[in-house]
Every structure is written in C-alpha cells, then in structure tokens.
Amino acid sequence: MSEFEVTVIVRVTFEFNAAVGALQDYIEAGELGDLLHFNAARLNLGLYQTDINVVWDLAPHDISIMNFLLRSLWSDDSDDVPTRA
C-alpha cells in the first residue's frame, strides 16, 4: 500500500459520446441480448510516450464506459449486482 491516501476520479467524457449513447439504447432495448462479456480494443493509442503507462492512461475511460452502460441494467436494490466475495 502506498504511503499516500489517493482518491482516483474518472471523468465521464465518453458518456456524452454519440456512439456510447447509441450502444446504451441498444442495451436498454434488449437488442443485444444478455451481456456476458465486454471487450475494449484501442485502435489508435496516439503518440508514443515513454513517461506514462498506456493502461493507466486509457483503461479508466474504458472502465467508465462499461460502468455507464451497465448502470441501466442494475437497480440499487437488485440482488443481481455482482459483488466481490
């Protein structure tokens, strides 16, 4: 554990992306069936930078998008929400 107590906050930039909104509409309408797996593929990582780790730089956006899409499937009082044992 780090000697610093750090809170990580992910920006919700992609929640306003038209493609993410369309995907959410498909999910809410049930047009994609049961969601069993997410796969995120980055097709353009931008300029190569040696001072940052691409996973720490980009993965939070993908996780934020997935969390946003799943939010509409689970209610706060649902027993279907997975939890860590």
N, C-alpha and C. Protein backbone atom coordinates (compact mmCIF):
# COMPACT_ATOMS: atom_id res chain seq x y z
N MET A 1 0.85 -1.18 0.00
CA MET A 1 0.00 0.00 0.00
C MET A 1 0.89 1.24 0.00
N SER A 2 0.43 2.22 -0.67
CA SER A 2 1.17 3.47 -0.77
C SER A 2 1.11 4.25 0.54
N GLU A 3 2.09 5.08 0.74
CA GLU A 3 2.09 5.92 1.94
C GLU A 3 1.10 7.07 1.81
N PHE A 4 0.59 7.28 0.60
CA PHE A 4 -0.37 8.35 0.35
C PHE A 4 -1.77 7.77 0.22
N GLU A 5 -2.74 8.48 0.75
CA GLU A 5 -4.13 8.09 0.53
C GLU A 5 -4.60 8.88 -0.68
N VAL A 6 -4.90 8.17 -1.75
CA VAL A 6 -5.24 8.82 -3.01
C VAL A 6 -6.62 8.37 -3.46
N THR A 7 -7.42 9.32 -3.90
CA THR A 7 -8.71 9.03 -4.49
C THR A 7 -8.60 9.23 -5.99
N VAL A 8 -8.99 8.21 -6.74
CA VAL A 8 -8.93 8.29 -8.20
C VAL A 8 -10.34 8.58 -8.71
N ILE A 9 -10.46 9.62 -9.50
CA ILE A 9 -11.75 10.02 -10.05
C ILE A 9 -11.64 9.96 -11.57
N VAL A 10 -12.56 9.21 -12.19
CA VAL A 10 -12.56 9.07 -13.64
C VAL A 10 -13.56 10.06 -14.21
N ARG A 11 -13.13 10.81 -15.21
CA ARG A 11 -14.04 11.74 -15.88
C ARG A 11 -15.04 10.97 -16.73
N VAL A 12 -16.18 11.53 -16.94
CA VAL A 12 -17.25 10.85 -17.66
C VAL A 12 -17.37 11.36 -19.10
N THR A 13 -16.28 11.76 -19.69
CA THR A 13 -16.28 12.35 -21.01
C THR A 13 -17.04 11.51 -22.04
N PHE A 14 -16.79 10.22 -22.05
CA PHE A 14 -17.36 9.37 -23.09
C PHE A 14 -18.83 9.05 -22.88
N GLU A 15 -19.39 9.40 -21.73
CA GLU A 15 -20.82 9.21 -21.53
C GLU A 15 -21.62 10.12 -22.46
N PHE A 16 -20.99 11.14 -22.99
CA PHE A 16 -21.66 12.08 -23.89
C PHE A 16 -21.33 11.79 -25.36
N ASN A 17 -20.62 10.72 -25.62
CA ASN A 17 -20.27 10.32 -26.97
C ASN A 17 -21.49 9.68 -27.63
N ALA A 18 -21.77 10.05 -28.87
CA ALA A 18 -22.97 9.55 -29.57
C ALA A 18 -22.95 8.04 -29.73
N ALA A 19 -21.79 7.46 -29.98
CA ALA A 19 -21.71 6.00 -30.14
C ALA A 19 -22.01 5.28 -28.83
N VAL A 20 -21.53 5.82 -27.73
CA VAL A 20 -21.81 5.22 -26.42
C VAL A 20 -23.30 5.35 -26.11
N GLY A 21 -23.89 6.48 -26.43
CA GLY A 21 -25.33 6.67 -26.23
C GLY A 21 -26.15 5.70 -27.06
N ALA A 22 -25.75 5.47 -28.30
CA ALA A 22 -26.46 4.52 -29.16
C ALA A 22 -26.33 3.10 -28.60
N LEU A 23 -25.14 2.76 -28.13
CA LEU A 23 -24.93 1.44 -27.54
C LEU A 23 -25.80 1.26 -26.30
N GLN A 24 -25.91 2.30 -25.49
CA GLN A 24 -26.77 2.23 -24.31
C GLN A 24 -28.23 2.01 -24.72
N ASP A 25 -28.66 2.67 -25.79
CA ASP A 25 -30.03 2.48 -26.27
C ASP A 25 -30.26 1.03 -26.69
N TYR A 26 -29.31 0.42 -27.39
CA TYR A 26 -29.42 -0.98 -27.79
C TYR A 26 -29.51 -1.89 -26.57
N ILE A 27 -28.68 -1.62 -25.57
CA ILE A 27 -28.67 -2.44 -24.36
C ILE A 27 -30.00 -2.33 -23.62
N GLU A 28 -30.48 -1.10 -23.43
CA GLU A 28 -31.73 -0.89 -22.70
C GLU A 28 -32.92 -1.50 -23.43
N ALA A 29 -32.87 -1.53 -24.76
CA ALA A 29 -33.96 -2.11 -25.54
C ALA A 29 -33.87 -3.63 -25.59
N GLY A 30 -32.78 -4.19 -25.10
CA GLY A 30 -32.61 -5.63 -25.11
C GLY A 30 -32.23 -6.20 -26.46
N GLU A 31 -31.81 -5.34 -27.37
CA GLU A 31 -31.49 -5.78 -28.73
C GLU A 31 -30.19 -6.58 -28.81
N LEU A 32 -29.36 -6.50 -27.78
CA LEU A 32 -28.09 -7.24 -27.79
C LEU A 32 -28.15 -8.51 -26.97
N GLY A 33 -29.30 -8.80 -26.37
CA GLY A 33 -29.42 -9.99 -25.53
C GLY A 33 -28.74 -9.79 -24.19
N ASP A 34 -28.42 -10.91 -23.54
CA ASP A 34 -27.74 -10.85 -22.24
C ASP A 34 -26.28 -10.48 -22.44
N LEU A 35 -25.81 -9.51 -21.69
CA LEU A 35 -24.41 -9.13 -21.76
C LEU A 35 -23.60 -10.04 -20.85
N LEU A 36 -22.68 -10.76 -21.44
CA LEU A 36 -21.86 -11.70 -20.69
C LEU A 36 -20.40 -11.30 -20.65
N HIS A 37 -20.00 -10.41 -21.56
CA HIS A 37 -18.58 -10.09 -21.68
C HIS A 37 -18.42 -8.73 -22.37
N PHE A 38 -17.46 -7.97 -21.92
CA PHE A 38 -17.08 -6.73 -22.59
C PHE A 38 -15.68 -6.89 -23.15
N ASN A 39 -15.43 -6.31 -24.28
CA ASN A 39 -14.10 -6.31 -24.86
C ASN A 39 -13.81 -4.89 -25.35
N ALA A 40 -12.71 -4.34 -24.92
CA ALA A 40 -12.32 -3.00 -25.35
C ALA A 40 -11.04 -3.10 -26.16
N ALA A 41 -11.06 -2.53 -27.34
CA ALA A 41 -9.87 -2.55 -28.19
C ALA A 41 -9.54 -1.12 -28.60
N ARG A 42 -8.35 -0.70 -28.32
CA ARG A 42 -7.89 0.63 -28.71
C ARG A 42 -7.23 0.54 -30.07
N LEU A 43 -7.77 1.23 -31.03
CA LEU A 43 -7.24 1.16 -32.39
C LEU A 43 -6.20 2.23 -32.66
N ASN A 44 -6.21 3.28 -31.85
CA ASN A 44 -5.24 4.35 -32.03
C ASN A 44 -4.82 4.84 -30.66
N LEU A 45 -3.61 4.57 -30.28
CA LEU A 45 -3.13 4.96 -28.96
C LEU A 45 -2.49 6.34 -28.94
N GLY A 46 -2.50 7.03 -30.08
CA GLY A 46 -1.91 8.36 -30.13
C GLY A 46 -0.40 8.29 -30.21
N LEU A 47 0.22 9.37 -29.82
CA LEU A 47 1.68 9.43 -29.87
C LEU A 47 2.29 8.52 -28.82
N TYR A 48 3.37 7.87 -29.17
CA TYR A 48 4.09 7.01 -28.23
C TYR A 48 4.78 7.88 -27.19
N GLN A 49 4.51 7.59 -25.93
CA GLN A 49 5.10 8.37 -24.84
C GLN A 49 5.78 7.43 -23.86
N THR A 50 7.01 7.73 -23.53
CA THR A 50 7.77 6.85 -22.65
C THR A 50 7.56 7.17 -21.17
N ASP A 51 6.93 8.30 -20.87
CA ASP A 51 6.80 8.71 -19.47
C ASP A 51 5.48 8.30 -18.82
N ILE A 52 4.59 7.63 -19.57
CA ILE A 52 3.32 7.19 -19.00
C ILE A 52 3.05 5.74 -19.39
N ASN A 53 2.20 5.09 -18.62
CA ASN A 53 1.79 3.73 -18.89
C ASN A 53 0.44 3.80 -19.60
N VAL A 54 0.33 3.20 -20.77
CA VAL A 54 -0.88 3.31 -21.57
C VAL A 54 -2.09 2.70 -20.84
N VAL A 55 -1.89 1.67 -20.05
CA VAL A 55 -3.01 1.07 -19.33
C VAL A 55 -3.58 2.06 -18.31
N TRP A 56 -2.71 2.69 -17.53
CA TRP A 56 -3.17 3.65 -16.53
C TRP A 56 -3.76 4.90 -17.20
N ASP A 57 -3.32 5.19 -18.40
CA ASP A 57 -3.78 6.38 -19.10
C ASP A 57 -5.14 6.18 -19.76
N LEU A 58 -5.36 5.01 -20.37
CA LEU A 58 -6.56 4.80 -21.18
C LEU A 58 -7.61 3.87 -20.57
N ALA A 59 -7.19 2.88 -19.80
CA ALA A 59 -8.13 1.91 -19.24
C ALA A 59 -9.24 2.56 -18.40
N PRO A 60 -8.97 3.60 -17.63
CA PRO A 60 -10.07 4.19 -16.86
C PRO A 60 -11.23 4.67 -17.73
N HIS A 61 -10.94 5.11 -18.95
CA HIS A 61 -12.02 5.53 -19.84
C HIS A 61 -12.87 4.34 -20.25
N ASP A 62 -12.22 3.23 -20.58
CA ASP A 62 -12.96 2.03 -20.98
C ASP A 62 -13.80 1.50 -19.83
N ILE A 63 -13.23 1.50 -18.63
CA ILE A 63 -13.96 1.03 -17.46
C ILE A 63 -15.14 1.96 -17.16
N SER A 64 -14.94 3.25 -17.33
CA SER A 64 -16.02 4.22 -17.12
C SER A 64 -17.17 3.98 -18.10
N ILE A 65 -16.83 3.71 -19.36
CA ILE A 65 -17.86 3.44 -20.37
C ILE A 65 -18.64 2.18 -20.00
N MET A 66 -17.93 1.12 -19.63
CA MET A 66 -18.60 -0.13 -19.27
C MET A 66 -19.49 0.05 -18.05
N ASN A 67 -19.00 0.78 -17.07
CA ASN A 67 -19.79 1.06 -15.87
C ASN A 67 -21.04 1.86 -16.23
N PHE A 68 -20.89 2.83 -17.11
CA PHE A 68 -22.02 3.65 -17.56
C PHE A 68 -23.07 2.78 -18.25
N LEU A 69 -22.62 1.87 -19.12
CA LEU A 69 -23.55 1.01 -19.85
C LEU A 69 -24.26 0.03 -18.93
N LEU A 70 -23.58 -0.46 -17.93
CA LEU A 70 -24.18 -1.43 -17.01
C LEU A 70 -25.11 -0.78 -15.99
N ARG A 71 -24.92 0.49 -15.74
CA ARG A 71 -25.74 1.20 -14.76
C ARG A 71 -27.23 1.06 -15.03
N SER A 72 -27.60 1.05 -16.30
CA SER A 72 -29.02 0.98 -16.64
C SER A 72 -29.60 -0.42 -16.43
N LEU A 73 -28.75 -1.43 -16.26
CA LEU A 73 -29.23 -2.80 -16.10
C LEU A 73 -29.49 -3.18 -14.65
N TRP A 74 -28.85 -2.49 -13.71
CA TRP A 74 -28.94 -2.86 -12.30
C TRP A 74 -29.55 -1.74 -11.50
N SER A 75 -30.47 -2.09 -10.64
CA SER A 75 -31.00 -1.10 -9.70
C SER A 75 -30.23 -1.22 -8.40
N ASP A 76 -30.32 -0.23 -7.57
CA ASP A 76 -29.57 -0.21 -6.32
C ASP A 76 -29.96 -1.36 -5.39
N ASP A 77 -31.21 -1.78 -5.45
CA ASP A 77 -31.66 -2.83 -4.54
C ASP A 77 -31.70 -4.21 -5.19
N SER A 78 -31.10 -4.35 -6.35
CA SER A 78 -31.13 -5.61 -7.07
C SER A 78 -30.20 -6.64 -6.46
N ASP A 79 -30.65 -7.89 -6.42
CA ASP A 79 -29.80 -8.99 -5.97
C ASP A 79 -28.90 -9.48 -7.09
N ASP A 80 -29.09 -8.97 -8.30
CA ASP A 80 -28.31 -9.41 -9.46
C ASP A 80 -26.98 -8.70 -9.58
N VAL A 81 -26.74 -7.68 -8.80
CA VAL A 81 -25.49 -6.93 -8.90
C VAL A 81 -24.37 -7.77 -8.34
N PRO A 82 -23.34 -8.06 -9.16
CA PRO A 82 -22.26 -8.89 -8.66
C PRO A 82 -21.42 -8.16 -7.61
N THR A 83 -20.97 -8.90 -6.63
CA THR A 83 -20.11 -8.33 -5.60
C THR A 83 -18.90 -9.21 -5.43
N ARG A 84 -17.84 -8.64 -4.92
CA ARG A 84 -16.63 -9.42 -4.65
C ARG A 84 -16.83 -10.20 -3.35
N ALA A 85 -16.46 -11.45 -3.37
CA ALA A 85 -16.60 -12.29 -2.17
C ALA A 85 -15.45 -12.04 -1.20
